[in-house]
PDB file of N, CA and C in Angstrom:
ATOM      1  N   UNK A   1      80.710 114.127 100.200  1.00  0.00           N
ATOM      2  CA  UNK A   1      80.732 114.682 101.535  1.00  0.00           C
ATOM      3  C   UNK A   1      80.707 116.193 101.415  1.00  0.00           C
ATOM      4  N   UNK A   2      79.826 116.839 102.104  1.00  0.00           N
ATOM      5  CA  UNK A   2      79.719 118.287 102.046  1.00  0.00           C
ATOM      6  C   UNK A   2      80.445 118.906 103.226  1.00  0.00           C
ATOM      7  N   UNK A   3      80.923 120.094 103.026  1.00  0.00           N
ATOM      8  CA  UNK A   3      81.560 120.810 104.124  1.00  0.00           C
ATOM      9  C   UNK A   3      80.906 122.171 104.246  1.00  0.00           C
ATOM     10  N   UNK A   4      81.055 122.751 105.391  1.00  0.00           N
ATOM     11  CA  UNK A   4      80.462 124.057 105.621  1.00  0.00           C
ATOM     12  C   UNK A   4      81.522 125.106 105.359  1.00  0.00           C
ATOM     13  N   UNK A   5      81.221 125.989 104.443  1.00  0.00           N
ATOM     14  CA  UNK A   5      82.127 127.086 104.110  1.00  0.00           C
ATOM     15  C   UNK A   5      81.499 128.390 104.557  1.00  0.00           C
ATOM     16  N   UNK A   6      82.087 129.483 104.144  1.00  0.00           N
ATOM     17  CA  UNK A   6      81.600 130.798 104.523  1.00  0.00           C
ATOM     18  C   UNK A   6      80.188 131.071 104.049  1.00  0.00           C
ATOM     19  N   UNK A   7      79.753 130.401 102.980  1.00  0.00           N
ATOM     20  CA  UNK A   7      78.429 130.654 102.425  1.00  0.00           C
ATOM     21  C   UNK A   7      77.484 129.481 102.645  1.00  0.00           C
ATOM     22  N   UNK A   8      77.775 128.622 103.598  1.00  0.00           N
ATOM     23  CA  UNK A   8      76.891 127.505 103.872  1.00  0.00           C
ATOM     24  C   UNK A   8      77.467 126.200 103.379  1.00  0.00           C
ATOM     25  N   UNK A   9      76.584 125.257 103.137  1.00  0.00           N
ATOM     26  CA  UNK A   9      76.966 123.907 102.755  1.00  0.00           C
ATOM     27  C   UNK A   9      77.461 123.868 101.313  1.00  0.00           C
ATOM     28  N   UNK A  10      78.639 123.246 101.095  1.00  0.00           N
ATOM     29  CA  UNK A  10      79.179 123.108  99.749  1.00  0.00           C
ATOM     30  C   UNK A  10      79.345 121.632  99.430  1.00  0.00           C
ATOM     31  N   UNK A  11      78.911 121.227  98.276  1.00  0.00           N
ATOM     32  CA  UNK A  11      79.116 119.861  97.834  1.00  0.00           C
ATOM     33  C   UNK A  11      80.559 119.701  97.361  1.00  0.00           C
ATOM     34  N   UNK A  12      80.987 118.448  97.230  1.00  0.00           N
ATOM     35  CA  UNK A  12      82.335 118.194  96.713  1.00  0.00           C
ATOM     36  C   UNK A  12      82.466 118.791  95.311  1.00  0.00           C
ATOM     37  N   UNK A  13      81.451 118.629  94.491  1.00  0.00           N
ATOM     38  CA  UNK A  13      81.495 119.166  93.128  1.00  0.00           C
ATOM     39  C   UNK A  13      81.685 120.685  93.145  1.00  0.00           C
ATOM     40  N   UNK A  14      81.028 121.366  94.059  1.00  0.00           N
ATOM     41  CA  UNK A  14      81.180 122.821  94.175  1.00  0.00           C
ATOM     42  C   UNK A  14      82.587 123.195  94.612  1.00  0.00           C
ATOM     43  N   UNK A  15      83.115 122.461  95.570  1.00  0.00           N
ATOM     44  CA  UNK A  15      84.485 122.730  96.024  1.00  0.00           C
ATOM     45  C   UNK A  15      85.483 122.464  94.893  1.00  0.00           C
ATOM     46  N   UNK A  16      85.254 121.369  94.152  1.00  0.00           N
ATOM     47  CA  UNK A  16      86.133 121.048  93.029  1.00  0.00           C
ATOM     48  C   UNK A  16      86.087 122.162  91.986  1.00  0.00           C
ATOM     49  N   UNK A  17      84.897 122.639  91.677  1.00  0.00           N
ATOM     50  CA  UNK A  17      84.751 123.723  90.695  1.00  0.00           C
ATOM     51  C   UNK A  17      85.546 124.951  91.137  1.00  0.00           C
ATOM     52  N   UNK A  18      85.407 125.330  92.389  1.00  0.00           N
ATOM     53  CA  UNK A  18      86.111 126.496  92.918  1.00  0.00           C
ATOM     54  C   UNK A  18      87.626 126.309  92.823  1.00  0.00           C
ATOM     55  N   UNK A  19      88.113 125.155  93.246  1.00  0.00           N
ATOM     56  CA  UNK A  19      89.559 124.886  93.240  1.00  0.00           C
ATOM     57  C   UNK A  19      90.122 124.832  91.825  1.00  0.00           C
ATOM     58  N   UNK A  20      89.425 124.151  90.926  1.00  0.00           N
ATOM     59  CA  UNK A  20      89.907 124.024  89.552  1.00  0.00           C
ATOM     60  C   UNK A  20      89.862 125.364  88.824  1.00  0.00           C
ATOM     61  N   UNK A  21      88.794 126.121  89.028  1.00  0.00           N
ATOM     62  CA  UNK A  21      88.691 127.424  88.377  1.00  0.00           C
ATOM     63  C   UNK A  21      89.789 128.358  88.855  1.00  0.00           C
ATOM     64  N   UNK A  22      90.054 128.333  90.132  1.00  0.00           N
ATOM     65  CA  UNK A  22      91.093 129.181  90.713  1.00  0.00           C
ATOM     66  C   UNK A  22      92.485 128.795  90.208  1.00  0.00           C
ATOM     67  N   UNK A  23      92.775 127.510  90.192  1.00  0.00           N
ATOM     68  CA  UNK A  23      94.115 127.044  89.813  1.00  0.00           C
ATOM     69  C   UNK A  23      94.363 127.092  88.311  1.00  0.00           C
ATOM     70  N   UNK A  24      93.322 126.833  87.508  1.00  0.00           N
ATOM     71  CA  UNK A  24      93.528 126.646  86.073  1.00  0.00           C
ATOM     72  C   UNK A  24      92.915 127.728  85.193  1.00  0.00           C
ATOM     73  N   UNK A  25      92.137 128.627  85.782  1.00  0.00           N
ATOM     74  CA  UNK A  25      91.509 129.704  85.016  1.00  0.00           C
ATOM     75  C   UNK A  25      90.805 129.146  83.778  1.00  0.00           C
ATOM     76  N   UNK A  26      89.979 128.150  84.004  1.00  0.00           N
ATOM     77  CA  UNK A  26      89.326 127.425  82.922  1.00  0.00           C
ATOM     78  C   UNK A  26      88.323 128.291  82.167  1.00  0.00           C
ATOM     79  N   UNK A  27      88.341 128.164  80.846  1.00  0.00           N
ATOM     80  CA  UNK A  27      87.319 128.818  80.026  1.00  0.00           C
ATOM     81  C   UNK A  27      86.108 127.902  79.886  1.00  0.00           C
ATOM     82  N   UNK A  28      86.311 126.616  80.130  1.00  0.00           N
ATOM     83  CA  UNK A  28      85.231 125.637  80.169  1.00  0.00           C
ATOM     84  C   UNK A  28      85.556 124.656  81.281  1.00  0.00           C
ATOM     85  N   UNK A  29      84.586 124.401  82.127  1.00  0.00           N
ATOM     86  CA  UNK A  29      84.774 123.450  83.222  1.00  0.00           C
ATOM     87  C   UNK A  29      83.475 122.695  83.434  1.00  0.00           C
ATOM     88  N   UNK A  30      83.479 121.427  83.024  1.00  0.00           N
ATOM     89  CA  UNK A  30      82.309 120.575  83.214  1.00  0.00           C
ATOM     90  C   UNK A  30      82.662 119.499  84.231  1.00  0.00           C
ATOM     91  N   UNK A  31      81.807 119.347  85.219  1.00  0.00           N
ATOM     92  CA  UNK A  31      82.012 118.363  86.275  1.00  0.00           C
ATOM     93  C   UNK A  31      80.772 117.488  86.347  1.00  0.00           C
ATOM     94  N   UNK A  32      80.961 116.198  86.128  1.00  0.00           N
ATOM     95  CA  UNK A  32      79.851 115.247  86.153  1.00  0.00           C
ATOM     96  C   UNK A  32      80.099 114.218  87.251  1.00  0.00           C
ATOM     97  N   UNK A  33      79.175 114.131  88.185  1.00  0.00           N
ATOM     98  CA  UNK A  33      79.256 113.145  89.267  1.00  0.00           C
ATOM     99  C   UNK A  33      78.725 111.814  88.743  1.00  0.00           C
ATOM    100  N   UNK A  34      79.603 110.817  88.651  1.00  0.00           N
ATOM    101  CA  UNK A  34      79.205 109.487  88.169  1.00  0.00           C
ATOM    102  C   UNK A  34      79.352 108.449  89.278  1.00  0.00           C
ATOM    103  N   UNK A  35      79.286 108.903  90.512  1.00  0.00           N
ATOM    104  CA  UNK A  35      79.461 108.019  91.673  1.00  0.00           C
ATOM    105  C   UNK A  35      78.449 106.880  91.682  1.00  0.00           C
ATOM    106  N   UNK A  36      77.237 107.148  91.239  1.00  0.00           N
ATOM    107  CA  UNK A  36      76.191 106.124  91.240  1.00  0.00           C
ATOM    108  C   UNK A  36      76.580 104.904  90.402  1.00  0.00           C
ATOM    109  N   UNK A  37      77.452 105.098  89.419  1.00  0.00           N
ATOM    110  CA  UNK A  37      77.889 103.992  88.565  1.00  0.00           C
ATOM    111  C   UNK A  37      78.892 103.077  89.273  1.00  0.00           C
ATOM    112  N   UNK A  38      79.392 103.519  90.419  1.00  0.00           N
ATOM    113  CA  UNK A  38      80.434 102.783  91.129  1.00  0.00           C
ATOM    114  C   UNK A  38      80.019 102.383  92.543  1.00  0.00           C
ATOM    115  N   UNK A  39      78.762 102.487  92.849  1.00  0.00           N
ATOM    116  CA  UNK A  39      78.263 102.268  94.211  1.00  0.00           C
ATOM    117  C   UNK A  39      78.610 100.901  94.779  1.00  0.00           C
ATOM    118  N   UNK A  40      78.705  99.870  93.960  1.00  0.00           N
ATOM    119  CA  UNK A  40      78.980  98.527  94.456  1.00  0.00           C
ATOM    120  C   UNK A  40      80.451  98.157  94.496  1.00  0.00           C
ATOM    121  N   UNK A  41      81.327  99.039  94.073  1.00  0.00           N
ATOM    122  CA  UNK A  41      82.758  98.723  94.023  1.00  0.00           C
ATOM    123  C   UNK A  41      83.365  98.657  95.429  1.00  0.00           C
ATOM    124  N   UNK A  42      84.332  97.796  95.592  1.00  0.00           N
ATOM    125  CA  UNK A  42      84.966  97.564  96.899  1.00  0.00           C
ATOM    126  C   UNK A  42      85.559  98.837  97.483  1.00  0.00           C
ATOM    127  N   UNK A  43      86.223  99.640  96.668  1.00  0.00           N
ATOM    128  CA  UNK A  43      86.853 100.866  97.176  1.00  0.00           C
ATOM    129  C   UNK A  43      85.810 101.838  97.715  1.00  0.00           C
ATOM    130  N   UNK A  44      84.650 101.862  97.104  1.00  0.00           N
ATOM    131  CA  UNK A  44      83.581 102.739  97.574  1.00  0.00           C
ATOM    132  C   UNK A  44      82.998 102.204  98.870  1.00  0.00           C
ATOM    133  N   UNK A  45      82.790 100.901  98.943  1.00  0.00           N
ATOM    134  CA  UNK A  45      82.251 100.294 100.163  1.00  0.00           C
ATOM    135  C   UNK A  45      83.203 100.475 101.347  1.00  0.00           C
ATOM    136  N   UNK A  46      84.505 100.465 101.076  1.00  0.00           N
ATOM    137  CA  UNK A  46      85.501 100.589 102.139  1.00  0.00           C
ATOM    138  C   UNK A  46      85.712 102.027 102.594  1.00  0.00           C
ATOM    139  N   UNK A  47      85.193 102.989 101.843  1.00  0.00           N
ATOM    140  CA  UNK A  47      85.392 104.399 102.141  1.00  0.00           C
ATOM    141  C   UNK A  47      84.256 104.912 103.016  1.00  0.00           C
ATOM    142  N   UNK A  48      84.525 105.335 104.256  1.00  0.00           N
ATOM    143  CA  UNK A  48      83.466 105.807 105.142  1.00  0.00           C
ATOM    144  C   UNK A  48      82.791 107.078 104.628  1.00  0.00           C
ATOM    145  N   UNK A  49      83.472 107.836 103.769  1.00  0.00           N
ATOM    146  CA  UNK A  49      82.892 109.058 103.217  1.00  0.00           C
ATOM    147  C   UNK A  49      82.017 108.786 102.003  1.00  0.00           C
ATOM    148  N   UNK A  50      82.024 107.565 101.509  1.00  0.00           N
ATOM    149  CA  UNK A  50      81.320 107.243 100.272  1.00  0.00           C
ATOM    150  C   UNK A  50      79.803 107.213 100.430  1.00  0.00           C
ATOM    151  N   UNK A  51      79.324 107.127 101.645  1.00  0.00           N
ATOM    152  CA  UNK A  51      77.882 107.075 101.855  1.00  0.00           C
ATOM    153  C   UNK A  51      77.193 108.303 101.275  1.00  0.00           C
ATOM    154  N   UNK A  52      77.877 109.419 101.284  1.00  0.00           N
ATOM    155  CA  UNK A  52      77.322 110.656 100.746  1.00  0.00           C
ATOM    156  C   UNK A  52      77.496 110.745  99.235  1.00  0.00           C
ATOM    157  N   UNK A  53      78.136 109.751  98.624  1.00  0.00           N
ATOM    158  CA  UNK A  53      78.397 109.805  97.191  1.00  0.00           C
ATOM    159  C   UNK A  53      79.572 110.715  96.894  1.00  0.00           C
ATOM    160  N   UNK A  54      79.555 111.276  95.731  1.00  0.00           N
ATOM    161  CA  UNK A  54      80.588 112.219  95.315  1.00  0.00           C
ATOM    162  C   UNK A  54      81.996 111.634  95.431  1.00  0.00           C
ATOM    163  N   UNK A  55      82.164 110.432  94.910  1.00  0.00           N
ATOM    164  CA  UNK A  55      83.473 109.774  94.949  1.00  0.00           C
ATOM    165  C   UNK A  55      84.111 109.635  93.571  1.00  0.00           C
ATOM    166  N   UNK A  56      83.311 109.679  92.515  1.00  0.00           N
ATOM    167  CA  UNK A  56      83.790 109.488  91.146  1.00  0.00           C
ATOM    168  C   UNK A  56      83.252 110.611  90.247  1.00  0.00           C
ATOM    169  N   UNK A  57      84.147 111.233  89.487  1.00  0.00           N
ATOM    170  CA  UNK A  57      83.739 112.345  88.635  1.00  0.00           C
ATOM    171  C   UNK A  57      84.390 112.262  87.259  1.00  0.00           C
ATOM    172  N   UNK A  58      83.673 112.762  86.262  1.00  0.00           N
ATOM    173  CA  UNK A  58      84.230 113.014  84.942  1.00  0.00           C
ATOM    174  C   UNK A  58      84.449 114.519  84.847  1.00  0.00           C
ATOM    175  N   UNK A  59      85.642 114.918  84.412  1.00  0.00           N
ATOM    176  CA  UNK A  59      85.963 116.339  84.273  1.00  0.00           C
ATOM    177  C   UNK A  59      86.313 116.650  82.832  1.00  0.00           C
ATOM    178  N   UNK A  60      85.820 117.763  82.344  1.00  0.00           N
ATOM    179  CA  UNK A  60      86.224 118.294  81.045  1.00  0.00           C
ATOM    180  C   UNK A  60      86.664 119.726  81.298  1.00  0.00           C
ATOM    181  N   UNK A  61      87.948 119.992  81.042  1.00  0.00           N
ATOM    182  CA  UNK A  61      88.524 121.284  81.377  1.00  0.00           C
ATOM    183  C   UNK A  61      89.239 121.849  80.159  1.00  0.00           C
ATOM    184  N   UNK A  62      88.953 123.103  79.848  1.00  0.00           N
ATOM    185  CA  UNK A  62      89.677 123.826  78.811  1.00  0.00           C
ATOM    186  C   UNK A  62      90.368 124.990  79.519  1.00  0.00           C
ATOM    187  N   UNK A  63      91.704 125.013  79.432  1.00  0.00           N
ATOM    188  CA  UNK A  63      92.469 126.029  80.143  1.00  0.00           C
ATOM    189  C   UNK A  63      93.683 126.465  79.330  1.00  0.00           C
ATOM    190  N   UNK A  64      93.949 127.762  79.284  1.00  0.00           N
ATOM    191  CA  UNK A  64      95.166 128.226  78.625  1.00  0.00           C
ATOM    192  C   UNK A  64      96.426 127.777  79.371  1.00  0.00           C
ATOM    193  N   UNK A  65      96.289 127.440  80.630  1.00  0.00           N
ATOM    194  CA  UNK A  65      97.448 126.986  81.406  1.00  0.00           C
ATOM    195  C   UNK A  65      97.950 125.615  80.952  1.00  0.00           C
ATOM    196  N   UNK A  66      97.165 124.902  80.149  1.00  0.00           N
ATOM    197  CA  UNK A  66      97.598 123.606  79.624  1.00  0.00           C
ATOM    198  C   UNK A  66      98.507 123.760  78.399  1.00  0.00           C
ATOM    199  N   UNK A  67      98.570 124.968  77.850  1.00  0.00           N
ATOM    200  CA  UNK A  67      99.369 125.194  76.648  1.00  0.00           C
ATOM    201  C   UNK A  67     100.828 124.776  76.880  1.00  0.00           C
ATOM    202  N   UNK A  68     101.354 123.949  75.980  1.00  0.00           N
ATOM    203  CA  UNK A  68     102.746 123.503  76.065  1.00  0.00           C
ATOM    204  C   UNK A  68     102.995 122.394  77.071  1.00  0.00           C
ATOM    205  N   UNK A  69     101.936 121.924  77.743  1.00  0.00           N
ATOM    206  CA  UNK A  69     102.087 120.880  78.756  1.00  0.00           C
ATOM    207  C   UNK A  69     101.688 119.525  78.170  1.00  0.00           C
ATOM    208  N   UNK A  70     102.404 118.487  78.568  1.00  0.00           N
ATOM    209  CA  UNK A  70     102.053 117.132  78.144  1.00  0.00           C
ATOM    210  C   UNK A  70     100.745 116.715  78.815  1.00  0.00           C
ATOM    211  N   UNK A  71     100.148 115.655  78.311  1.00  0.00           N
ATOM    212  CA  UNK A  71      98.916 115.135  78.907  1.00  0.00           C
ATOM    213  C   UNK A  71      99.142 114.762  80.371  1.00  0.00           C
ATOM    214  N   UNK A  72     100.281 114.133  80.657  1.00  0.00           N
ATOM    215  CA  UNK A  72     100.589 113.746  82.043  1.00  0.00           C
ATOM    216  C   UNK A  72     100.701 114.986  82.931  1.00  0.00           C
ATOM    217  N   UNK A  73     101.365 116.027  82.455  1.00  0.00           N
ATOM    218  CA  UNK A  73     101.511 117.256  83.235  1.00  0.00           C
ATOM    219  C   UNK A  73     100.148 117.923  83.463  1.00  0.00           C
ATOM    220  N   UNK A  74      99.300 117.904  82.455  1.00  0.00           N
ATOM    221  CA  UNK A  74      97.961 118.478  82.604  1.00  0.00           C
ATOM    222  C   UNK A  74      97.179 117.750  83.695  1.00  0.00           C
ATOM    223  N   UNK A  75      97.261 116.430  83.681  1.00  0.00           N
ATOM    224  CA  UNK A  75      96.563 115.647  84.702  1.00  0.00           C
ATOM    225  C   UNK A  75      97.148 115.925  86.087  1.00  0.00           C
ATOM    226  N   UNK A  76      98.461 116.063  86.163  1.00  0.00           N
ATOM    227  CA  UNK A  76      99.081 116.403  87.461  1.00  0.00           C
ATOM    228  C   UNK A  76      98.589 117.747  87.967  1.00  0.00           C
ATOM    229  N   UNK A  77      98.413 118.700  87.070  1.00  0.00           N
ATOM    230  CA  UNK A  77      97.910 120.014  87.468  1.00  0.00           C
ATOM    231  C   UNK A  77      96.506 119.893  88.071  1.00  0.00           C
ATOM    232  N   UNK A  78      95.686 119.047  87.478  1.00  0.00           N
ATOM    233  CA  UNK A  78      94.331 118.826  87.995  1.00  0.00           C
ATOM    234  C   UNK A  78      94.412 118.129  89.352  1.00  0.00           C
ATOM    235  N   UNK A  79      95.215 117.059  89.438  1.00  0.00           N
ATOM    236  CA  UNK A  79      95.351 116.340  90.705  1.00  0.00           C
ATOM    237  C   UNK A  79      95.900 117.247  91.806  1.00  0.00           C
ATOM    238  N   UNK A  80      96.851 118.104  91.468  1.00  0.00           N
ATOM    239  CA  UNK A  80      97.398 119.037  92.462  1.00  0.00           C
ATOM    240  C   UNK A  80      96.308 119.973  92.984  1.00  0.00           C
ATOM    241  N   UNK A  81      95.475 120.465  92.085  1.00  0.00           N
ATOM    242  CA  UNK A  81      94.397 121.370  92.502  1.00  0.00           C
ATOM    243  C   UNK A  81      93.371 120.661  93.387  1.00  0.00           C
ATOM    244  N   UNK A  82      93.230 119.350  93.199  1.00  0.00           N
ATOM    245  CA  UNK A  82      92.234 118.577  93.946  1.00  0.00           C
ATOM    246  C   UNK A  82      92.833 117.741  95.074  1.00  0.00           C
ATOM    247  N   UNK A  83      94.049 118.031  95.472  1.00  0.00           N
ATOM    248  CA  UNK A  83      94.754 117.218  96.474  1.00  0.00           C
ATOM    249  C   UNK A  83      93.935 117.029  97.753  1.00  0.00           C
ATOM    250  N   UNK A  84      93.333 118.091  98.263  1.00  0.00           N
ATOM    251  CA  UNK A  84      92.540 117.986  99.494  1.00  0.00           C
ATOM    252  C   UNK A  84      91.351 117.055  99.304  1.00  0.00           C
ATOM    253  N   UNK A  85      90.718 117.139  98.153  1.00  0.00           N
ATOM    254  CA  UNK A  85      89.561 116.283  97.878  1.00  0.00           C
ATOM    255  C   UNK A  85      89.986 114.820  97.742  1.00  0.00           C
ATOM    256  N   UNK A  86      91.110 114.594  97.090  1.00  0.00           N
ATOM    257  CA  UNK A  86      91.601 113.229  96.903  1.00  0.00           C
ATOM    258  C   UNK A  86      91.989 112.584  98.235  1.00  0.00           C
ATOM    259  N   UNK A  87      92.380 113.389  99.198  1.00  0.00           N
ATOM    260  CA  UNK A  87      92.750 112.832 100.499  1.00  0.00           C
ATOM    261  C   UNK A  87      91.560 112.740 101.451  1.00  0.00           C
ATOM    262  N   UNK A  88      90.389 113.180 100.992  1.00  0.00           N
ATOM    263  CA  UNK A  88      89.225 113.161 101.887  1.00  0.00           C
ATOM    264  C   UNK A  88      88.007 112.479 101.271  1.00  0.00           C
ATOM    265  N   UNK A  89      88.232 111.497 100.394  1.00  0.00           N
ATOM    266  CA  UNK A  89      87.106 110.708  99.906  1.00  0.00           C
ATOM    267  C   UNK A  89      86.890 110.692  98.413  1.00  0.00           C
ATOM    268  N   UNK A  90      87.461 111.643  97.688  1.00  0.00           N
ATOM    269  CA  UNK A  90      87.372 111.585  96.231  1.00  0.00           C
ATOM    270  C   UNK A  90      88.221 110.415  95.772  1.00  0.00           C
ATOM    271  N   UNK A  91      87.605 109.468  95.071  1.00  0.00           N
ATOM    272  CA  UNK A  91      88.293 108.223  94.736  1.00  0.00           C
ATOM    273  C   UNK A  91      88.845 108.206  93.321  1.00  0.00           C
ATOM    274  N   UNK A  92      88.089 108.740  92.354  1.00  0.00           N
ATOM    275  CA  UNK A  92      88.527 108.639  90.958  1.00  0.00           C
ATOM    276  C   UNK A  92      88.030 109.827  90.152  1.00  0.00           C
ATOM    277  N   UNK A  93      88.898 110.248  89.213  1.00  0.00           N
ATOM    278  CA  UNK A  93      88.579 111.358  88.336  1.00  0.00           C
ATOM    279  C   UNK A  93      88.987 110.972  86.922  1.00  0.00           C
ATOM    280  N   UNK A  94      88.054 111.088  85.995  1.00  0.00           N
ATOM    281  CA  UNK A  94      88.352 110.912  84.582  1.00  0.00           C
ATOM    282  C   UNK A  94      88.508 112.312  84.006  1.00  0.00           C
ATOM    283  N   UNK A  95      89.632 112.577  83.349  1.00  0.00           N
ATOM    284  CA  UNK A  95      89.971 113.942  82.947  1.00  0.00           C
ATOM    285  C   UNK A  95      90.133 114.055  81.435  1.00  0.00           C
ATOM    286  N   UNK A  96      89.466 115.050  80.867  1.00  0.00           N
ATOM    287  CA  UNK A  96      89.738 115.512  79.507  1.00  0.00           C
ATOM    288  C   UNK A  96      90.245 116.936  79.680  1.00  0.00           C
ATOM    289  N   UNK A  97      91.500 117.176  79.325  1.00  0.00           N
ATOM    290  CA  UNK A  97      92.150 118.472  79.546  1.00  0.00           C
ATOM    291  C   UNK A  97      92.682 119.003  78.220  1.00  0.00           C
ATOM    292  N   UNK A  98      92.109 120.099  77.759  1.00  0.00           N
ATOM    293  CA  UNK A  98      92.464 120.689  76.469  1.00  0.00           C
ATOM    294  C   UNK A  98      92.802 122.165  76.623  1.00  0.00           C
ATOM    295  N   UNK A  99      93.508 122.685  75.618  1.00  0.00           N
ATOM    296  CA  UNK A  99      93.749 124.123  75.553  1.00  0.00           C
ATOM    297  C   UNK A  99      92.662 124.755  74.686  1.00  0.00           C
ATOM    298  N   UNK A 100      92.447 126.060  74.817  1.00  0.00           N
ATOM    299  CA  UNK A 100      91.481 126.716  73.933  1.00  0.00           C
ATOM    300  C   UNK A 100      91.839 126.528  72.456  1.00  0.00           C
ATOM    301  N   UNK A 101      93.126 126.554  72.140  1.00  0.00           N
ATOM    302  CA  UNK A 101      93.561 126.381  70.755  1.00  0.00           C
ATOM    303  C   UNK A 101      93.194 124.985  70.229  1.00  0.00           C
ATOM    304  N   UNK A 102      93.348 123.977  71.056  1.00  0.00           N
ATOM    305  CA  UNK A 102      92.990 122.615  70.648  1.00  0.00           C
ATOM    306  C   UNK A 102      91.497 122.509  70.346  1.00  0.00           C
ATOM    307  N   UNK A 103      90.685 123.175  71.133  1.00  0.00           N
ATOM    308  CA  UNK A 103      89.240 123.167  70.911  1.00  0.00           C
ATOM    309  C   UNK A 103      88.902 123.898  69.613  1.00  0.00           C
ATOM    310  N   UNK A 104      89.557 125.037  69.371  1.00  0.00           N
ATOM    311  CA  UNK A 104      89.321 125.806  68.144  1.00  0.00           C
ATOM    312  C   UNK A 104      89.735 124.998  66.926  1.00  0.00           C
ATOM    313  N   UNK A 105      90.888 124.331  66.995  1.00  0.00           N
ATOM    314  CA  UNK A 105      91.359 123.528  65.875  1.00  0.00           C
ATOM    315  C   UNK A 105      90.407 122.379  65.591  1.00  0.00           C
ATOM    316  N   UNK A 106      89.923 121.762  66.633  1.00  0.00           N
ATOM    317  CA  UNK A 106      88.987 120.646  66.460  1.00  0.00           C
ATOM    318  C   UNK A 106      87.696 121.139  65.799  1.00  0.00           C
ATOM    319  N   UNK A 107      87.225 122.308  66.224  1.00  0.00           N
ATOM    320  CA  UNK A 107      85.999 122.856  65.656  1.00  0.00           C
ATOM    321  C   UNK A 107      86.195 123.208  64.178  1.00  0.00           C
ATOM    322  N   UNK A 108      87.331 123.797  63.836  1.00  0.00           N
ATOM    323  CA  UNK A 108      87.565 124.176  62.444  1.00  0.00           C
ATOM    324  C   UNK A 108      87.806 122.949  61.560  1.00  0.00           C
ATOM    325  N   UNK A 109      88.340 121.885  62.108  1.00  0.00           N
ATOM    326  CA  UNK A 109      88.561 120.644  61.344  1.00  0.00           C
ATOM    327  C   UNK A 109      87.266 119.888  61.091  1.00  0.00           C
ATOM    328  N   UNK A 110      86.258 120.122  61.931  1.00  0.00           N
ATOM    329  CA  UNK A 110      85.003 119.391  61.777  1.00  0.00           C
ATOM    330  C   UNK A 110      84.046 120.102  60.817  1.00  0.00           C
ATOM    331  N   UNK A 111      84.466 121.259  60.291  1.00  0.00           N
ATOM    332  CA  UNK A 111      83.597 122.005  59.359  1.00  0.00           C
ATOM    333  C   UNK A 111      83.773 121.521  57.958  1.00  0.00           C
TER     334      UNK A 111
END
């Protein structure tokens, strides 16, 4: 579902990007709309906003704000940033939430 903002029409993905970037100061933020994979699911059919798609997303976020936070806390931070979207048609989010240090360690371990 798109909404009209100060600069015209914004998709849910655009609004999510703005909210997540603002709240988490992400150094990497990937948002993938996978709604088409869930088009036949009951929850999507029951959602009047689902006709426009944008109900299911995969997120990959790298943020220094995740440092020292448990996986559950990191996910709560994402859900908190997306609260408005979750109450207006966003049905599901798959989250990968890492710190910059975790990404660096993974890269150095793979060498």
